Every structure is written in C-alpha cells, then in structure tokens.
Amino acid sequence: MKKAFLYFCGLLMLACVPENQPSVLEDTLEEALKIPNNGVVTVGEKTYIFNQDPNQGISKFVQSSKVYDFSFSPESMPIDVKSTLENYRTSGDSFIIENEETGEFIRLVNVQEISADKISFDVETSNGLSLEGFNLKLNDIPSENSNSRITTCWWCFALPVLKLAEAIIDSLGPNIDSNCELAITTCANAGGFPDVDLKEEDGWFGKSSCSVECKMPS
C-alpha cells in the first residue's frame, strides 16, 4: 500500500491511503439532513452531522455548504464512555468529557432540554475556553419504560459522547492547530476522508502538531 506524505511547517503530516468503501454523502446541508444520522450539532454557523456511513465520520457544514468530512482516530479520543455517562448522574451540575491520558476535559454547562430529542448547552474547556450556543439533536432516544432514571435525564443515555467531543474540538478551529485544519481541508478538497490523529503529547488543545491520514477512494 502506497502512502504519499505532505508536511506543513515540519509539524504536521498528511498521509493519503486508498479507501475501498468511499462514502457517498451530500454536499448541501438541506439534503444531508434528510439522510439517517446519529445526531446533529449546531453552533453559530457550523453544523456537524454524525454519519451512519462505513467511516462513522462527521460532516462539517458552514451555513449550508459542506466544508469536509472527518473523524478523529481512536487513539486521539481516550474516553471511558460508560464512566462518562454514569458520572453525570452523580454530579448532576455539569457533564464532563475527560481525556483519560492527558487530564484535559470538555465540560457541558447550562444544559437545557429544548424538546423530546434536542438539548442546548454551553462548553467550558480545561484550557480556559468558553463556547456558547451549542444545540444537539439526538437520535435513538431510549424508551422511558426501559429505565425509570431516564425520566430525569433521558439524554444522558443517548449522548454520542465520542462524536460530540470530536465536533466540539473541531469547532475550536485554529485554537487547536491551524495546520491541522489545513491538512483536513487539503484532504477533503482532494476527494479523501480525513482521519485525524492528535499527538498524545499535545492532547486535544495543543497547538503544535497532529497528523491526518487521508483515505482516498480506490
């Protein structure tokens, strides 16, 4: 398998590899929202759709136009999902998504239930950033009859923790690493699917480096 490498400022690597099952995803927001998905996040002019395609990736839109599809590598998201969901029910005042290797965290605050399948919230991060105005439309809401605790926090059991964290991290844009965003965009413009690996020593909010594996249709 051949790999072509592009380097940005000596800090970021973009690798292109063939992808046997390319995704067929819509390029306009209106059409993309018609396709079954695993959840939708909106903040400002940005929309993130959690896809049900083979890559299990995220489609990012700004206003109504797609920017790119992407996902973070499993190594970049060391999150204990079960513990994250359980801990919310004990703390109650905020929802914390923690990087178990670096100690970094994303805290969801001011959570409000908008409807039977939608919540709004603000975000605070361990590096001092505050972001307001997030909305999350959830799918696969558990039946209230399946567990009495769902009546007090139904969305706790449906929260797509990993993908939500990926969308929030991406929404920070250049606050993470402008070179990383450039590599993602370069891959997407070439028709590939970017798989992002955040360097362990830099964590979620480090600005120095990352790598992007660009999965190209065969």
Protein backbone atom coordinates (compact mmCIF):
# COMPACT_ATOMS: atom_id res chain seq x y z
CA MET A 1 0.00 0.00 0.00
CA LYS A 2 1.48 3.30 -1.10
CA LYS A 3 1.39 6.42 1.07
CA ALA A 4 2.15 9.97 -0.04
CA PHE A 5 3.23 12.36 2.69
CA LEU A 6 2.84 16.13 2.78
CA TYR A 7 4.47 18.20 5.52
CA PHE A 8 3.30 21.54 6.88
CA CYS A 9 5.85 23.66 8.77
CA GLY A 10 7.63 20.46 9.80
CA LEU A 11 4.94 19.79 12.39
CA LEU A 12 2.02 18.14 10.62
CA MET A 13 1.77 15.08 8.41
CA LEU A 14 -0.90 14.27 5.85
CA ALA A 15 -0.87 10.67 4.61
CA CYS A 16 -3.02 9.52 1.71
CA VAL A 17 -4.14 5.91 1.60
CA PRO A 18 -6.70 4.12 -0.60
CA GLU A 19 -10.17 3.58 0.84
CA ASN A 20 -12.06 0.55 -0.52
CA GLN A 21 -15.51 1.80 0.53
CA PRO A 22 -15.74 5.53 -0.13
CA SER A 23 -18.63 7.39 1.48
CA VAL A 24 -21.40 8.88 -0.64
CA LEU A 25 -22.53 11.91 1.35
CA GLU A 26 -24.49 15.00 0.35
CA ASP A 27 -22.70 18.33 -0.16
CA THR A 28 -25.64 20.57 0.78
CA LEU A 29 -26.92 20.80 4.34
CA GLU A 30 -30.58 20.51 3.37
CA GLU A 31 -30.02 17.22 1.53
CA ALA A 32 -27.58 15.86 4.12
CA LEU A 33 -30.12 16.30 6.91
CA LYS A 34 -32.54 14.03 5.03
CA ILE A 35 -30.15 11.07 5.40
CA PRO A 36 -30.44 8.99 8.63
CA ASN A 37 -27.73 10.01 11.09
CA ASN A 38 -26.56 9.51 14.66
CA GLY A 39 -27.06 13.12 15.78
CA VAL A 40 -26.61 16.73 14.68
CA VAL A 41 -24.71 19.51 16.48
CA THR A 42 -25.08 23.19 15.61
CA VAL A 43 -23.08 26.14 16.96
CA GLY A 44 -23.16 29.52 15.26
CA GLU A 45 -22.96 28.98 11.50
CA LYS A 46 -21.45 25.49 11.90
CA THR A 47 -23.35 22.21 11.67
CA TYR A 48 -21.88 18.79 12.42
CA ILE A 49 -23.73 15.67 11.25
CA PHE A 50 -22.76 12.33 12.80
CA ASN A 51 -22.97 9.98 9.82
CA GLN A 52 -24.04 6.35 9.66
CA ASP A 53 -21.67 5.65 6.74
CA PRO A 54 -18.89 3.00 6.93
CA ASN A 55 -16.38 5.58 8.20
CA GLN A 56 -18.70 6.64 11.04
CA GLY A 57 -17.40 10.13 10.33
CA ILE A 58 -18.69 13.66 10.81
CA SER A 59 -19.79 16.02 8.04
CA LYS A 60 -18.99 19.65 8.83
CA PHE A 61 -21.03 22.44 7.24
CA VAL A 62 -20.67 26.20 7.46
CA GLN A 63 -24.01 27.82 6.73
CA SER A 64 -25.41 25.48 4.07
CA SER A 65 -22.18 24.35 2.39
CA LYS A 66 -20.07 21.34 3.33
CA VAL A 67 -16.52 22.06 4.45
CA TYR A 68 -15.29 18.46 4.87
CA ASP A 69 -15.95 15.01 6.34
CA PHE A 70 -13.64 13.84 9.12
CA SER A 71 -13.12 11.71 12.20
CA PHE A 72 -10.55 11.54 14.99
CA SER A 73 -8.55 8.34 15.45
CA PRO A 74 -9.47 6.15 18.47
CA GLU A 75 -6.02 6.88 19.92
CA SER A 76 -6.89 10.59 19.99
CA MET A 77 -10.08 10.04 21.98
CA PRO A 78 -9.17 8.07 25.15
CA ILE A 79 -12.60 8.45 26.74
CA ASP A 80 -14.37 5.98 29.01
CA VAL A 81 -17.87 6.45 27.61
CA LYS A 82 -19.65 4.31 30.22
CA SER A 83 -17.96 6.11 33.10
CA THR A 84 -18.70 9.48 31.49
CA LEU A 85 -22.43 8.72 31.29
CA GLU A 86 -22.59 7.26 34.80
CA ASN A 87 -20.70 10.15 36.40
CA TYR A 88 -23.21 12.69 35.10
CA ARG A 89 -25.94 11.12 37.21
CA THR A 90 -23.81 11.51 40.34
CA SER A 91 -22.52 15.06 39.79
CA GLY A 92 -25.68 16.48 38.25
CA ASP A 93 -24.48 20.06 37.77
CA SER A 94 -22.39 19.58 34.62
CA PHE A 95 -21.42 16.93 32.11
CA ILE A 96 -17.67 16.32 31.83
CA ILE A 97 -15.94 14.51 28.96
CA GLU A 98 -12.37 13.76 30.02
CA ASN A 99 -9.23 12.73 28.18
CA GLU A 100 -8.00 9.89 30.41
CA GLU A 101 -4.41 10.21 29.21
CA THR A 102 -3.87 13.97 29.48
CA GLY A 103 -6.48 15.01 32.05
CA GLU A 104 -7.95 17.56 29.63
CA PHE A 105 -11.70 17.91 29.70
CA ILE A 106 -14.72 19.38 27.98
CA ARG A 107 -17.49 20.46 30.36
CA LEU A 108 -21.08 20.86 29.18
CA VAL A 109 -22.84 23.50 31.27
CA ASN A 110 -26.23 25.22 31.21
CA VAL A 111 -27.81 22.13 29.67
CA GLN A 112 -31.44 22.74 28.70
CA GLU A 113 -33.96 20.33 27.23
CA ILE A 114 -35.44 22.03 24.17
CA SER A 115 -37.69 19.21 23.01
CA ALA A 116 -38.09 15.45 23.26
CA ASP A 117 -34.97 14.91 21.16
CA LYS A 118 -32.96 18.13 21.46
CA ILE A 119 -30.80 19.85 24.09
CA SER A 120 -28.85 23.12 24.21
CA PHE A 121 -25.69 23.74 26.21
CA ASP A 122 -22.56 25.83 26.60
CA VAL A 123 -18.99 24.48 26.77
CA GLU A 124 -16.03 25.13 29.07
CA THR A 125 -12.67 23.53 28.36
CA SER A 126 -9.73 22.71 30.63
CA ASN A 127 -7.54 25.25 28.82
CA GLY A 128 -9.87 28.09 29.76
CA LEU A 129 -12.05 28.48 26.67
CA SER A 130 -15.78 29.15 26.93
CA LEU A 131 -18.10 28.49 24.00
CA GLU A 132 -21.82 29.30 23.97
CA GLY A 133 -24.85 28.35 21.95
CA PHE A 134 -24.49 24.63 21.16
CA ASN A 135 -27.53 22.58 20.15
CA LEU A 136 -27.63 18.80 19.84
CA LYS A 137 -30.43 16.85 18.16
CA LEU A 138 -30.35 13.26 19.38
CA ASN A 139 -31.42 10.00 17.80
CA ASP A 140 -32.13 6.58 19.32
CA ILE A 141 -33.75 8.02 22.43
CA PRO A 142 -34.31 5.15 24.92
CA SER A 143 -37.86 4.30 25.89
CA GLU A 144 -38.91 5.76 29.21
CA ASN A 145 -40.24 2.36 30.16
CA SER A 146 -36.81 0.74 29.87
CA ASN A 147 -35.33 2.54 32.87
CA SER A 148 -37.01 4.81 35.39
CA ARG A 149 -33.89 7.01 35.64
CA ILE A 150 -34.35 8.07 32.01
CA THR A 151 -37.26 10.28 33.09
CA THR A 152 -34.82 12.54 34.97
CA CYS A 153 -32.07 12.59 32.32
CA TRP A 154 -33.25 10.91 29.14
CA TRP A 155 -30.47 12.46 27.03
CA CYS A 156 -27.73 11.04 29.28
CA PHE A 157 -28.37 7.61 27.81
CA ALA A 158 -28.44 8.79 24.19
CA LEU A 159 -25.49 11.19 24.20
CA PRO A 160 -22.97 10.32 21.42
CA VAL A 161 -20.03 11.16 23.68
CA LEU A 162 -17.13 10.45 21.31
CA LYS A 163 -18.58 12.21 18.27
CA LEU A 164 -19.78 15.12 20.36
CA ALA A 165 -16.25 15.60 21.71
CA GLU A 166 -14.83 15.46 18.17
CA ALA A 167 -17.29 18.10 16.95
CA ILE A 168 -16.57 20.41 19.89
CA ILE A 169 -12.80 20.08 19.41
CA ASP A 170 -13.14 20.82 15.69
CA SER A 171 -15.35 23.83 16.41
CA LEU A 172 -12.37 25.41 18.18
CA GLY A 173 -10.72 25.72 14.77
CA PRO A 174 -7.32 27.47 14.80
CA ASN A 175 -7.31 27.33 18.61
CA ILE A 176 -6.13 23.74 18.18
CA ASP A 177 -3.73 23.96 15.24
CA SER A 178 -4.33 25.88 12.02
CA ASN A 179 -2.01 23.48 10.18
CA CYS A 180 -4.20 20.57 11.25
CA GLU A 181 -7.29 22.27 9.84
CA LEU A 182 -5.35 22.99 6.63
CA ALA A 183 -4.45 19.30 6.28
CA ILE A 184 -8.08 18.25 6.79
CA THR A 185 -9.24 20.73 4.17
CA THR A 186 -6.50 19.65 1.73
CA CYS A 187 -7.55 16.02 2.06
CA ALA A 188 -11.24 16.84 1.62
CA ASN A 189 -10.56 19.01 -1.42
CA ALA A 190 -8.67 16.07 -2.95
CA GLY A 191 -11.75 13.88 -2.53
CA GLY A 192 -10.48 11.99 0.52
CA PHE A 193 -11.76 11.27 4.02
CA PRO A 194 -9.53 12.80 6.75
CA ASP A 195 -8.81 10.66 9.81
CA VAL A 196 -7.21 12.95 12.40
CA ASP A 197 -4.65 11.80 14.99
CA LEU A 198 -3.95 14.37 17.69
CA LYS A 199 -0.43 13.92 19.10
CA GLU A 200 -0.54 12.47 22.61
CA GLU A 201 1.94 14.99 23.99
CA ASP A 202 -0.18 17.88 22.69
CA GLY A 203 -3.58 16.49 23.67
CA TRP A 204 -6.89 17.88 22.49
CA PHE A 205 -5.96 21.53 22.85
CA GLY A 206 -2.26 21.55 21.96
CA LYS A 207 -1.26 23.83 19.11
CA SER A 208 1.95 22.21 17.93
CA SER A 209 1.15 19.13 15.84
CA CYS A 210 -1.20 16.46 14.58
CA SER A 211 -1.31 14.02 11.68
CA VAL A 212 -4.03 13.37 9.14
CA GLU A 213 -4.48 10.07 7.32
CA CYS A 214 -6.30 10.84 4.09
CA LYS A 215 -8.37 7.85 2.96
CA MET A 216 -8.77 8.09 -0.79
CA PRO A 217 -11.35 6.20 -2.89
CA SER A 218 -9.72 3.32 -4.73
